[in-house]
Amino acid sequence: MTDEIFHIKRNDTGPKFKVALNDGKGGGVNITGATSVRFHMGAKGAAAAVDAAATVVQDNPAIVEYAWAAANTANAGDFYAEIEVTLADGSIETFPNDREGWLVRITEDKA
């Protein structure tokens, strides 16, 4: 996923949210040895409603995914997602670091 909108229906748990972590210039980053990788998601201007562990698929260049819990998609609307990584040296980097976050659009289901 790059700058496009991630679409998911309300109450769905798939597909997983999967992203490549890039620096501000678009180059892949190395998160080998990271001690924590967290998925955050919330409405614009609000505190994160989701703060959960994400899974590292690949360290270098970094690819991370998040498996949805049903509660994460209970409310329809537009939300922003980010990945917070605590690196081996203790420093913290949040991705994407060149904009507010990845746009996640949760749409109403008909049931």
PDB file of N, CA and C in Angstrom:
ATOM      1  N   MET A   1       0.838  -1.179   0.000  1.00  0.00           N
ATOM      2  CA  MET A   1       0.000   0.000   0.000  1.00  0.00           C
ATOM      3  C   MET A   1       0.882   1.240   0.000  1.00  0.00           C
ATOM      4  N   THR A   2       0.534   2.205  -0.817  1.00  0.00           N
ATOM      5  CA  THR A   2       1.294   3.458  -0.838  1.00  0.00           C
ATOM      6  C   THR A   2       0.377   4.580  -0.359  1.00  0.00           C
ATOM      7  N   ASP A   3       0.048   5.536  -1.222  1.00  0.00           N
ATOM      8  CA  ASP A   3      -0.786   6.666  -0.828  1.00  0.00           C
ATOM      9  C   ASP A   3      -2.267   6.418  -1.047  1.00  0.00           C
ATOM     10  N   GLU A   4      -2.644   5.275  -1.610  1.00  0.00           N
ATOM     11  CA  GLU A   4      -4.049   5.029  -1.861  1.00  0.00           C
ATOM     12  C   GLU A   4      -4.812   4.802  -0.563  1.00  0.00           C
ATOM     13  N   ILE A   5      -6.125   4.815  -0.661  1.00  0.00           N
ATOM     14  CA  ILE A   5      -6.982   4.599   0.494  1.00  0.00           C
ATOM     15  C   ILE A   5      -7.125   3.101   0.738  1.00  0.00           C
ATOM     16  N   PHE A   6      -7.004   2.689   2.006  1.00  0.00           N
ATOM     17  CA  PHE A   6      -7.247   1.307   2.379  1.00  0.00           C
ATOM     18  C   PHE A   6      -8.731   1.200   2.708  1.00  0.00           C
ATOM     19  N   HIS A   7      -9.452   0.342   1.986  1.00  0.00           N
ATOM     20  CA  HIS A   7     -10.891   0.166   2.180  1.00  0.00           C
ATOM     21  C   HIS A   7     -11.169  -1.137   2.914  1.00  0.00           C
ATOM     22  N   ILE A   8     -12.095  -1.058   3.863  1.00  0.00           N
ATOM     23  CA  ILE A   8     -12.560  -2.244   4.565  1.00  0.00           C
ATOM     24  C   ILE A   8     -13.998  -1.977   5.011  1.00  0.00           C
ATOM     25  N   LYS A   9     -14.811  -3.005   5.039  1.00  0.00           N
ATOM     26  CA  LYS A   9     -16.202  -2.859   5.473  1.00  0.00           C
ATOM     27  C   LYS A   9     -16.283  -2.921   6.997  1.00  0.00           C
ATOM     28  N   ARG A  10     -17.310  -2.284   7.532  1.00  0.00           N
ATOM     29  CA  ARG A  10     -17.552  -2.275   8.967  1.00  0.00           C
ATOM     30  C   ARG A  10     -17.671  -3.722   9.474  1.00  0.00           C
ATOM     31  N   ASN A  11     -17.023  -4.008  10.580  1.00  0.00           N
ATOM     32  CA  ASN A  11     -16.995  -5.313  11.257  1.00  0.00           C
ATOM     33  C   ASN A  11     -16.177  -6.392  10.542  1.00  0.00           C
ATOM     34  N   ASP A  12     -15.536  -6.064   9.437  1.00  0.00           N
ATOM     35  CA  ASP A  12     -14.679  -7.046   8.760  1.00  0.00           C
ATOM     36  C   ASP A  12     -13.318  -7.121   9.452  1.00  0.00           C
ATOM     37  N   THR A  13     -12.650  -8.263   9.283  1.00  0.00           N
ATOM     38  CA  THR A  13     -11.310  -8.448   9.843  1.00  0.00           C
ATOM     39  C   THR A  13     -10.283  -8.781   8.760  1.00  0.00           C
ATOM     40  N   GLY A  14     -10.658  -8.681   7.527  1.00  0.00           N
ATOM     41  CA  GLY A  14      -9.733  -8.917   6.424  1.00  0.00           C
ATOM     42  C   GLY A  14     -10.087  -8.005   5.275  1.00  0.00           C
ATOM     43  N   PRO A  15      -9.125  -7.659   4.470  1.00  0.00           N
ATOM     44  CA  PRO A  15      -7.732  -8.133   4.471  1.00  0.00           C
ATOM     45  C   PRO A  15      -6.897  -7.417   5.539  1.00  0.00           C
ATOM     46  N   LYS A  16      -5.728  -7.997   5.805  1.00  0.00           N
ATOM     47  CA  LYS A  16      -4.805  -7.364   6.738  1.00  0.00           C
ATOM     48  C   LYS A  16      -4.345  -6.028   6.175  1.00  0.00           C
ATOM     49  N   PHE A  17      -3.993  -5.108   7.066  1.00  0.00           N
ATOM     50  CA  PHE A  17      -3.405  -3.825   6.695  1.00  0.00           C
ATOM     51  C   PHE A  17      -1.905  -4.077   6.548  1.00  0.00           C
ATOM     52  N   LYS A  18      -1.371  -3.936   5.346  1.00  0.00           N
ATOM     53  CA  LYS A  18       0.028  -4.275   5.077  1.00  0.00           C
ATOM     54  C   LYS A  18       0.699  -3.103   4.366  1.00  0.00           C
ATOM     55  N   VAL A  19       1.820  -2.638   4.913  1.00  0.00           N
ATOM     56  CA  VAL A  19       2.507  -1.473   4.362  1.00  0.00           C
ATOM     57  C   VAL A  19       4.018  -1.656   4.364  1.00  0.00           C
ATOM     58  N   ALA A  20       4.658  -0.981   3.429  1.00  0.00           N
ATOM     59  CA  ALA A  20       6.116  -0.855   3.420  1.00  0.00           C
ATOM     60  C   ALA A  20       6.450   0.422   4.180  1.00  0.00           C
ATOM     61  N   LEU A  21       7.474   0.363   5.016  1.00  0.00           N
ATOM     62  CA  LEU A  21       7.890   1.546   5.768  1.00  0.00           C
ATOM     63  C   LEU A  21       9.009   2.239   5.003  1.00  0.00           C
ATOM     64  N   ASN A  22       8.765   3.496   4.654  1.00  0.00           N
ATOM     65  CA  ASN A  22       9.720   4.272   3.876  1.00  0.00           C
ATOM     66  C   ASN A  22      10.120   5.536   4.613  1.00  0.00           C
ATOM     67  N   ASP A  23      11.321   6.032   4.295  1.00  0.00           N
ATOM     68  CA  ASP A  23      11.733   7.312   4.848  1.00  0.00           C
ATOM     69  C   ASP A  23      11.004   8.427   4.099  1.00  0.00           C
ATOM     70  N   GLY A  24      11.229   9.655   4.472  1.00  0.00           N
ATOM     71  CA  GLY A  24      10.553  10.793   3.865  1.00  0.00           C
ATOM     72  C   GLY A  24      10.818  10.971   2.386  1.00  0.00           C
ATOM     73  N   LYS A  25      11.846  10.305   1.870  1.00  0.00           N
ATOM     74  CA  LYS A  25      12.186  10.403   0.448  1.00  0.00           C
ATOM     75  C   LYS A  25      11.681   9.205  -0.344  1.00  0.00           C
ATOM     76  N   GLY A  26      10.979   8.295   0.327  1.00  0.00           N
ATOM     77  CA  GLY A  26      10.423   7.134  -0.365  1.00  0.00           C
ATOM     78  C   GLY A  26      11.293   5.896  -0.356  1.00  0.00           C
ATOM     79  N   GLY A  27      12.455   5.967   0.274  1.00  0.00           N
ATOM     80  CA  GLY A  27      13.337   4.806   0.336  1.00  0.00           C
ATOM     81  C   GLY A  27      12.962   3.891   1.485  1.00  0.00           C
ATOM     82  N   GLY A  28      13.144   2.589   1.289  1.00  0.00           N
ATOM     83  CA  GLY A  28      12.845   1.616   2.328  1.00  0.00           C
ATOM     84  C   GLY A  28      13.747   1.785   3.533  1.00  0.00           C
ATOM     85  N   VAL A  29      13.228   1.467   4.714  1.00  0.00           N
ATOM     86  CA  VAL A  29      14.015   1.569   5.940  1.00  0.00           C
ATOM     87  C   VAL A  29      14.313   0.178   6.489  1.00  0.00           C
ATOM     88  N   ASN A  30      15.333   0.115   7.327  1.00  0.00           N
ATOM     89  CA  ASN A  30      15.762  -1.128   7.954  1.00  0.00           C
ATOM     90  C   ASN A  30      15.338  -1.097   9.422  1.00  0.00           C
ATOM     91  N   ILE A  31      14.509  -2.042   9.841  1.00  0.00           N
ATOM     92  CA  ILE A  31      14.083  -2.095  11.244  1.00  0.00           C
ATOM     93  C   ILE A  31      14.596  -3.368  11.937  1.00  0.00           C
ATOM     94  N   THR A  32      15.656  -3.938  11.408  1.00  0.00           N
ATOM     95  CA  THR A  32      16.245  -5.134  12.010  1.00  0.00           C
ATOM     96  C   THR A  32      16.554  -4.867  13.481  1.00  0.00           C
ATOM     97  N   GLY A  33      16.127  -5.756  14.351  1.00  0.00           N
ATOM     98  CA  GLY A  33      16.374  -5.630  15.778  1.00  0.00           C
ATOM     99  C   GLY A  33      15.370  -4.766  16.515  1.00  0.00           C
ATOM    100  N   ALA A  34      14.330  -4.289  15.823  1.00  0.00           N
ATOM    101  CA  ALA A  34      13.320  -3.460  16.490  1.00  0.00           C
ATOM    102  C   ALA A  34      12.734  -4.209  17.678  1.00  0.00           C
ATOM    103  N   THR A  35      12.509  -3.491  18.773  1.00  0.00           N
ATOM    104  CA  THR A  35      11.985  -4.119  19.985  1.00  0.00           C
ATOM    105  C   THR A  35      10.472  -3.999  20.094  1.00  0.00           C
ATOM    106  N   SER A  36       9.869  -3.105  19.325  1.00  0.00           N
ATOM    107  CA  SER A  36       8.417  -2.931  19.350  1.00  0.00           C
ATOM    108  C   SER A  36       7.953  -2.353  18.026  1.00  0.00           C
ATOM    109  N   VAL A  37       6.849  -2.902  17.507  1.00  0.00           N
ATOM    110  CA  VAL A  37       6.218  -2.372  16.298  1.00  0.00           C
ATOM    111  C   VAL A  37       4.724  -2.311  16.600  1.00  0.00           C
ATOM    112  N   ARG A  38       4.165  -1.091  16.612  1.00  0.00           N
ATOM    113  CA  ARG A  38       2.780  -0.864  17.021  1.00  0.00           C
ATOM    114  C   ARG A  38       1.980  -0.238  15.885  1.00  0.00           C
ATOM    115  N   PHE A  39       0.739  -0.662  15.767  1.00  0.00           N
ATOM    116  CA  PHE A  39      -0.230  -0.097  14.827  1.00  0.00           C
ATOM    117  C   PHE A  39      -1.116   0.862  15.612  1.00  0.00           C
ATOM    118  N   HIS A  40      -1.224   2.102  15.134  1.00  0.00           N
ATOM    119  CA  HIS A  40      -2.101   3.099  15.751  1.00  0.00           C
ATOM    120  C   HIS A  40      -3.101   3.554  14.697  1.00  0.00           C
ATOM    121  N   MET A  41      -4.353   3.743  15.099  1.00  0.00           N
ATOM    122  CA  MET A  41      -5.358   4.275  14.185  1.00  0.00           C
ATOM    123  C   MET A  41      -6.364   5.096  14.972  1.00  0.00           C
ATOM    124  N   GLY A  42      -6.742   6.233  14.402  1.00  0.00           N
ATOM    125  CA  GLY A  42      -7.747   7.075  15.033  1.00  0.00           C
ATOM    126  C   GLY A  42      -8.306   8.067  14.043  1.00  0.00           C
ATOM    127  N   ALA A  43      -9.348   8.745  14.451  1.00  0.00           N
ATOM    128  CA  ALA A  43      -9.954   9.788  13.626  1.00  0.00           C
ATOM    129  C   ALA A  43      -9.024  10.994  13.601  1.00  0.00           C
ATOM    130  N   LYS A  44      -9.123  11.787  12.547  1.00  0.00           N
ATOM    131  CA  LYS A  44      -8.282  12.973  12.409  1.00  0.00           C
ATOM    132  C   LYS A  44      -8.459  13.882  13.623  1.00  0.00           C
ATOM    133  N   GLY A  45      -7.346  14.286  14.203  1.00  0.00           N
ATOM    134  CA  GLY A  45      -7.362  15.199  15.327  1.00  0.00           C
ATOM    135  C   GLY A  45      -7.729  14.574  16.659  1.00  0.00           C
ATOM    136  N   ALA A  46      -7.915  13.258  16.703  1.00  0.00           N
ATOM    137  CA  ALA A  46      -8.295  12.580  17.940  1.00  0.00           C
ATOM    138  C   ALA A  46      -7.186  11.617  18.373  1.00  0.00           C
ATOM    139  N   ALA A  47      -7.251  11.214  19.619  1.00  0.00           N
ATOM    140  CA  ALA A  47      -6.300  10.219  20.121  1.00  0.00           C
ATOM    141  C   ALA A  47      -6.521   8.889  19.395  1.00  0.00           C
ATOM    142  N   ALA A  48      -5.484   8.081  19.349  1.00  0.00           N
ATOM    143  CA  ALA A  48      -5.583   6.779  18.686  1.00  0.00           C
ATOM    144  C   ALA A  48      -6.628   5.906  19.372  1.00  0.00           C
ATOM    145  N   ALA A  49      -7.540   5.371  18.582  1.00  0.00           N
ATOM    146  CA  ALA A  49      -8.557   4.458  19.099  1.00  0.00           C
ATOM    147  C   ALA A  49      -8.036   3.027  19.102  1.00  0.00           C
ATOM    148  N   VAL A  50      -7.017   2.772  18.278  1.00  0.00           N
ATOM    149  CA  VAL A  50      -6.385   1.453  18.211  1.00  0.00           C
ATOM    150  C   VAL A  50      -4.901   1.636  18.502  1.00  0.00           C
ATOM    151  N   ASP A  51      -4.393   0.853  19.411  1.00  0.00           N
ATOM    152  CA  ASP A  51      -2.969   0.805  19.731  1.00  0.00           C
ATOM    153  C   ASP A  51      -2.665  -0.664  19.996  1.00  0.00           C
ATOM    154  N   ALA A  52      -2.107  -1.332  18.999  1.00  0.00           N
ATOM    155  CA  ALA A  52      -1.918  -2.778  19.096  1.00  0.00           C
ATOM    156  C   ALA A  52      -0.620  -3.192  18.403  1.00  0.00           C
ATOM    157  N   ALA A  53      -0.129  -4.360  18.764  1.00  0.00           N
ATOM    158  CA  ALA A  53       1.090  -4.892  18.156  1.00  0.00           C
ATOM    159  C   ALA A  53       0.856  -5.195  16.674  1.00  0.00           C
ATOM    160  N   ALA A  54       1.836  -4.870  15.870  1.00  0.00           N
ATOM    161  CA  ALA A  54       1.846  -5.210  14.449  1.00  0.00           C
ATOM    162  C   ALA A  54       2.908  -6.283  14.233  1.00  0.00           C
ATOM    163  N   THR A  55       2.853  -6.936  13.090  1.00  0.00           N
ATOM    164  CA  THR A  55       3.779  -8.021  12.763  1.00  0.00           C
ATOM    165  C   THR A  55       4.762  -7.568  11.695  1.00  0.00           C
ATOM    166  N   VAL A  56       6.040  -7.832  11.922  1.00  0.00           N
ATOM    167  CA  VAL A  56       7.062  -7.538  10.922  1.00  0.00           C
ATOM    168  C   VAL A  56       7.087  -8.691   9.933  1.00  0.00           C
ATOM    169  N   VAL A  57       6.809  -8.398   8.674  1.00  0.00           N
ATOM    170  CA  VAL A  57       6.847  -9.394   7.606  1.00  0.00           C
ATOM    171  C   VAL A  57       8.265  -9.489   7.061  1.00  0.00           C
ATOM    172  N   GLN A  58       8.926  -8.334   6.981  1.00  0.00           N
ATOM    173  CA  GLN A  58      10.285  -8.255   6.441  1.00  0.00           C
ATOM    174  C   GLN A  58      10.994  -7.102   7.139  1.00  0.00           C
ATOM    175  N   ASP A  59      12.272  -7.315   7.534  1.00  0.00           N
ATOM    176  CA  ASP A  59      13.035  -6.288   8.253  1.00  0.00           C
ATOM    177  C   ASP A  59      13.663  -5.230   7.357  1.00  0.00           C
ATOM    178  N   ASN A  60      14.189  -5.648   6.212  1.00  0.00           N
ATOM    179  CA  ASN A  60      14.948  -4.722   5.381  1.00  0.00           C
ATOM    180  C   ASN A  60      14.805  -5.048   3.903  1.00  0.00           C
ATOM    181  N   PRO A  61      14.109  -4.205   3.138  1.00  0.00           N
ATOM    182  CA  PRO A  61      13.358  -3.042   3.582  1.00  0.00           C
ATOM    183  C   PRO A  61      12.108  -3.475   4.339  1.00  0.00           C
ATOM    184  N   ALA A  62      11.699  -2.660   5.291  1.00  0.00           N
ATOM    185  CA  ALA A  62      10.652  -3.034   6.240  1.00  0.00           C
ATOM    186  C   ALA A  62       9.271  -3.131   5.602  1.00  0.00           C
ATOM    187  N   ILE A  63       8.602  -4.240   5.895  1.00  0.00           N
ATOM    188  CA  ILE A  63       7.195  -4.441   5.547  1.00  0.00           C
ATOM    189  C   ILE A  63       6.517  -4.935   6.821  1.00  0.00           C
ATOM    190  N   VAL A  64       5.398  -4.291   7.153  1.00  0.00           N
ATOM    191  CA  VAL A  64       4.689  -4.573   8.396  1.00  0.00           C
ATOM    192  C   VAL A  64       3.221  -4.809   8.080  1.00  0.00           C
ATOM    193  N   GLU A  65       2.562  -5.676   8.866  1.00  0.00           N
ATOM    194  CA  GLU A  65       1.129  -5.883   8.677  1.00  0.00           C
ATOM    195  C   GLU A  65       0.414  -5.900  10.019  1.00  0.00           C
ATOM    196  N   TYR A  66      -0.870  -5.611   9.942  1.00  0.00           N
ATOM    197  CA  TYR A  66      -1.702  -5.628  11.138  1.00  0.00           C
ATOM    198  C   TYR A  66      -2.947  -6.449  10.835  1.00  0.00           C
ATOM    199  N   ALA A  67      -3.244  -7.414  11.706  1.00  0.00           N
ATOM    200  CA  ALA A  67      -4.449  -8.230  11.585  1.00  0.00           C
ATOM    201  C   ALA A  67      -5.543  -7.572  12.419  1.00  0.00           C
ATOM    202  N   TRP A  68      -6.619  -7.194  11.765  1.00  0.00           N
ATOM    203  CA  TRP A  68      -7.713  -6.477  12.423  1.00  0.00           C
ATOM    204  C   TRP A  68      -8.403  -7.315  13.487  1.00  0.00           C
ATOM    205  N   ALA A  69      -8.789  -6.675  14.576  1.00  0.00           N
ATOM    206  CA  ALA A  69      -9.738  -7.230  15.533  1.00  0.00           C
ATOM    207  C   ALA A  69     -11.100  -6.660  15.131  1.00  0.00           C
ATOM    208  N   ALA A  70     -12.158  -7.396  15.362  1.00  0.00           N
ATOM    209  CA  ALA A  70     -13.489  -6.940  14.945  1.00  0.00           C
ATOM    210  C   ALA A  70     -13.826  -5.566  15.514  1.00  0.00           C
ATOM    211  N   ALA A  71     -13.407  -5.287  16.729  1.00  0.00           N
ATOM    212  CA  ALA A  71     -13.707  -3.991  17.351  1.00  0.00           C
ATOM    213  C   ALA A  71     -13.041  -2.827  16.620  1.00  0.00           C
ATOM    214  N   ASN A  72     -11.938  -3.098  15.903  1.00  0.00           N
ATOM    215  CA  ASN A  72     -11.220  -2.035  15.193  1.00  0.00           C
ATOM    216  C   ASN A  72     -12.025  -1.436  14.057  1.00  0.00           C
ATOM    217  N   THR A  73     -12.930  -2.232  13.493  1.00  0.00           N
ATOM    218  CA  THR A  73     -13.694  -1.784  12.325  1.00  0.00           C
ATOM    219  C   THR A  73     -15.185  -1.633  12.646  1.00  0.00           C
ATOM    220  N   ALA A  74     -15.520  -1.476  13.917  1.00  0.00           N
ATOM    221  CA  ALA A  74     -16.924  -1.396  14.334  1.00  0.00           C
ATOM    222  C   ALA A  74     -17.609  -0.107  13.892  1.00  0.00           C
ATOM    223  N   ASN A  75     -16.830   0.955  13.677  1.00  0.00           N
ATOM    224  CA  ASN A  75     -17.406   2.252  13.313  1.00  0.00           C
ATOM    225  C   ASN A  75     -16.983   2.657  11.909  1.00  0.00           C
ATOM    226  N   ALA A  76     -17.973   3.022  11.102  1.00  0.00           N
ATOM    227  CA  ALA A  76     -17.687   3.495   9.747  1.00  0.00           C
ATOM    228  C   ALA A  76     -17.107   4.902   9.814  1.00  0.00           C
ATOM    229  N   GLY A  77     -16.291   5.236   8.815  1.00  0.00           N
ATOM    230  CA  GLY A  77     -15.714   6.577   8.728  1.00  0.00           C
ATOM    231  C   GLY A  77     -14.308   6.531   8.185  1.00  0.00           C
ATOM    232  N   ASP A  78     -13.689   7.707   8.134  1.00  0.00           N
ATOM    233  CA  ASP A  78     -12.313   7.834   7.690  1.00  0.00           C
ATOM    234  C   ASP A  78     -11.405   7.957   8.906  1.00  0.00           C
ATOM    235  N   PHE A  79     -10.332   7.179   8.895  1.00  0.00           N
ATOM    236  CA  PHE A  79      -9.389   7.142  10.003  1.00  0.00           C
ATOM    237  C   PHE A  79      -7.974   7.212   9.440  1.00  0.00           C
ATOM    238  N   TYR A  80      -7.030   7.573  10.283  1.00  0.00           N
ATOM    239  CA  TYR A  80      -5.633   7.603   9.885  1.00  0.00           C
ATOM    240  C   TYR A  80      -4.863   6.563  10.678  1.00  0.00           C
ATOM    241  N   ALA A  81      -4.014   5.823   9.973  1.00  0.00           N
ATOM    242  CA  ALA A  81      -3.217   4.769  10.594  1.00  0.00           C
ATOM    243  C   ALA A  81      -1.740   5.110  10.490  1.00  0.00           C
ATOM    244  N   GLU A  82      -0.992   4.669  11.477  1.00  0.00           N
ATOM    245  CA  GLU A  82       0.455   4.831  11.454  1.00  0.00           C
ATOM    246  C   GLU A  82       1.093   3.639  12.160  1.00  0.00           C
ATOM    247  N   ILE A  83       2.370   3.454  11.883  1.00  0.00           N
ATOM    248  CA  ILE A  83       3.162   2.399  12.512  1.00  0.00           C
ATOM    249  C   ILE A  83       4.262   3.060  13.326  1.00  0.00           C
ATOM    250  N   GLU A  84       4.331   2.712  14.619  1.00  0.00           N
ATOM    251  CA  GLU A  84       5.366   3.248  15.494  1.00  0.00           C
ATOM    252  C   GLU A  84       6.372   2.137  15.799  1.00  0.00           C
ATOM    253  N   VAL A  85       7.632   2.394  15.492  1.00  0.00           N
ATOM    254  CA  VAL A  85       8.689   1.400  15.652  1.00  0.00           C
ATOM    255  C   VAL A  85       9.693   1.871  16.695  1.00  0.00           C
ATOM    256  N   THR A  86       9.956   1.010  17.679  1.00  0.00           N
ATOM    257  CA  THR A  86      11.040   1.262  18.618  1.00  0.00           C
ATOM    258  C   THR A  86      12.228   0.461  18.110  1.00  0.00           C
ATOM    259  N   LEU A  87      13.257   1.168  17.696  1.00  0.00           N
ATOM    260  CA  LEU A  87      14.435   0.533  17.096  1.00  0.00           C
ATOM    261  C   LEU A  87      15.351  -0.047  18.173  1.00  0.00           C
ATOM    262  N   ALA A  88      16.304  -0.850  17.748  1.00  0.00           N
ATOM    263  CA  ALA A  88      17.207  -1.551  18.669  1.00  0.00           C
ATOM    264  C   ALA A  88      17.953  -0.587  19.594  1.00  0.00           C
ATOM    265  N   ASP A  89      18.241   0.633  19.135  1.00  0.00           N
ATOM    266  CA  ASP A  89      18.970   1.609  19.963  1.00  0.00           C
ATOM    267  C   ASP A  89      18.045   2.389  20.902  1.00  0.00           C
ATOM    268  N   GLY A  90      16.751   2.062  20.902  1.00  0.00           N
ATOM    269  CA  GLY A  90      15.795   2.729  21.776  1.00  0.00           C
ATOM    270  C   GLY A  90      15.097   3.923  21.155  1.00  0.00           C
ATOM    271  N   SER A  91      15.567   4.362  19.986  1.00  0.00           N
ATOM    272  CA  SER A  91      14.909   5.497  19.339  1.00  0.00           C
ATOM    273  C   SER A  91      13.574   5.043  18.738  1.00  0.00           C
ATOM    274  N   ILE A  92      12.648   5.992  18.600  1.00  0.00           N
ATOM    275  CA  ILE A  92      11.314   5.704  18.092  1.00  0.00           C
ATOM    276  C   ILE A  92      11.098   6.460  16.792  1.00  0.00           C
ATOM    277  N   GLU A  93      10.601   5.742  15.793  1.00  0.00           N
ATOM    278  CA  GLU A  93      10.233   6.356  14.515  1.00  0.00           C
ATOM    279  C   GLU A  93       8.799   5.979  14.196  1.00  0.00           C
ATOM    280  N   THR A  94       8.043   6.944  13.687  1.00  0.00           N
ATOM    281  CA  THR A  94       6.659   6.708  13.312  1.00  0.00           C
ATOM    282  C   THR A  94       6.525   6.878  11.807  1.00  0.00           C
ATOM    283  N   PHE A  95       5.807   5.947  11.179  1.00  0.00           N
ATOM    284  CA  PHE A  95       5.619   5.946   9.729  1.00  0.00           C
ATOM    285  C   PHE A  95       4.137   5.994   9.415  1.00  0.00           C
ATOM    286  N   PRO A  96       3.720   6.680   8.341  1.00  0.00           N
ATOM    287  CA  PRO A  96       4.580   7.455   7.469  1.00  0.00           C
ATOM    288  C   PRO A  96       5.028   8.729   8.176  1.00  0.00           C
ATOM    289  N   ASN A  97       6.222   9.180   7.868  1.00  0.00           N
ATOM    290  CA  ASN A  97       6.734  10.384   8.515  1.00  0.00           C
ATOM    291  C   ASN A  97       6.678  11.608   7.600  1.00  0.00           C
ATOM    292  N   ASP A  98       6.022  11.454   6.443  1.00  0.00           N
ATOM    293  CA  ASP A  98       5.912  12.572   5.513  1.00  0.00           C
ATOM    294  C   ASP A  98       4.472  13.068   5.345  1.00  0.00           C
ATOM    295  N   ARG A  99       3.549  12.549   6.164  1.00  0.00           N
ATOM    296  CA  ARG A  99       2.145  12.981   6.118  1.00  0.00           C
ATOM    297  C   ARG A  99       1.446  12.486   7.381  1.00  0.00           C
ATOM    298  N   GLU A 100       0.164  12.819   7.516  1.00  0.00           N
ATOM    299  CA  GLU A 100      -0.564  12.497   8.739  1.00  0.00           C
ATOM    300  C   GLU A 100      -0.668  10.996   9.007  1.00  0.00           C
ATOM    301  N   GLY A 101      -0.862  10.217   7.984  1.00  0.00           N
ATOM    302  CA  GLY A 101      -0.990   8.771   8.143  1.00  0.00           C
ATOM    303  C   GLY A 101      -1.586   8.168   6.894  1.00  0.00           C
ATOM    304  N   TRP A 102      -1.726   6.858   6.898  1.00  0.00           N
ATOM    305  CA  TRP A 102      -2.408   6.180   5.800  1.00  0.00           C
ATOM    306  C   TRP A 102      -3.902   6.300   6.050  1.00  0.00           C
ATOM    307  N   LEU A 103      -4.657   6.651   5.036  1.00  0.00           N
ATOM    308  CA  LEU A 103      -6.093   6.806   5.173  1.00  0.00           C
ATOM    309  C   LEU A 103      -6.762   5.437   5.121  1.00  0.00           C
ATOM    310  N   VAL A 104      -7.546   5.130   6.154  1.00  0.00           N
ATOM    311  CA  VAL A 104      -8.315   3.895   6.235  1.00  0.00           C
ATOM    312  C   VAL A 104      -9.780   4.292   6.181  1.00  0.00           C
ATOM    313  N   ARG A 105     -10.489   3.803   5.177  1.00  0.00           N
ATOM    314  CA  ARG A 105     -11.915   4.102   5.026  1.00  0.00           C
ATOM    315  C   ARG A 105     -12.719   2.864   5.384  1.00  0.00           C
ATOM    316  N   ILE A 106     -13.470   2.966   6.470  1.00  0.00           N
ATOM    317  CA  ILE A 106     -14.349   1.875   6.898  1.00  0.00           C
ATOM    318  C   ILE A 106     -15.756   2.241   6.429  1.00  0.00           C
ATOM    319  N   THR A 107     -16.302   1.422   5.545  1.00  0.00           N
ATOM    320  CA  THR A 107     -17.622   1.718   4.985  1.00  0.00           C
ATOM    321  C   THR A 107     -18.692   0.867   5.643  1.00  0.00           C
ATOM    322  N   GLU A 108     -19.914   1.399   5.643  1.00  0.00           N
ATOM    323  CA  GLU A 108     -21.064   0.682   6.223  1.00  0.00           C
ATOM    324  C   GLU A 108     -21.275  -0.635   5.486  1.00  0.00           C
ATOM    325  N   ASP A 109     -21.677  -1.637   6.223  1.00  0.00           N
ATOM    326  CA  ASP A 109     -22.102  -2.873   5.601  1.00  0.00           C
ATOM    327  C   ASP A 109     -23.631  -2.841   5.516  1.00  0.00           C
ATOM    328  N   LYS A 110     -24.213  -3.650   4.695  1.00  0.00           N
ATOM    329  CA  LYS A 110     -25.660  -3.620   4.470  1.00  0.00           C
ATOM    330  C   LYS A 110     -26.416  -4.538   5.422  1.00  0.00           C
ATOM    331  N   ALA A 111     -25.702  -5.318   6.197  1.00  0.00           N
ATOM    332  CA  ALA A 111     -26.373  -6.254   7.117  1.00  0.00           C
ATOM    333  C   ALA A 111     -26.536  -5.657   8.486  1.00  0.00           C
TER     334      ALA A 111
END
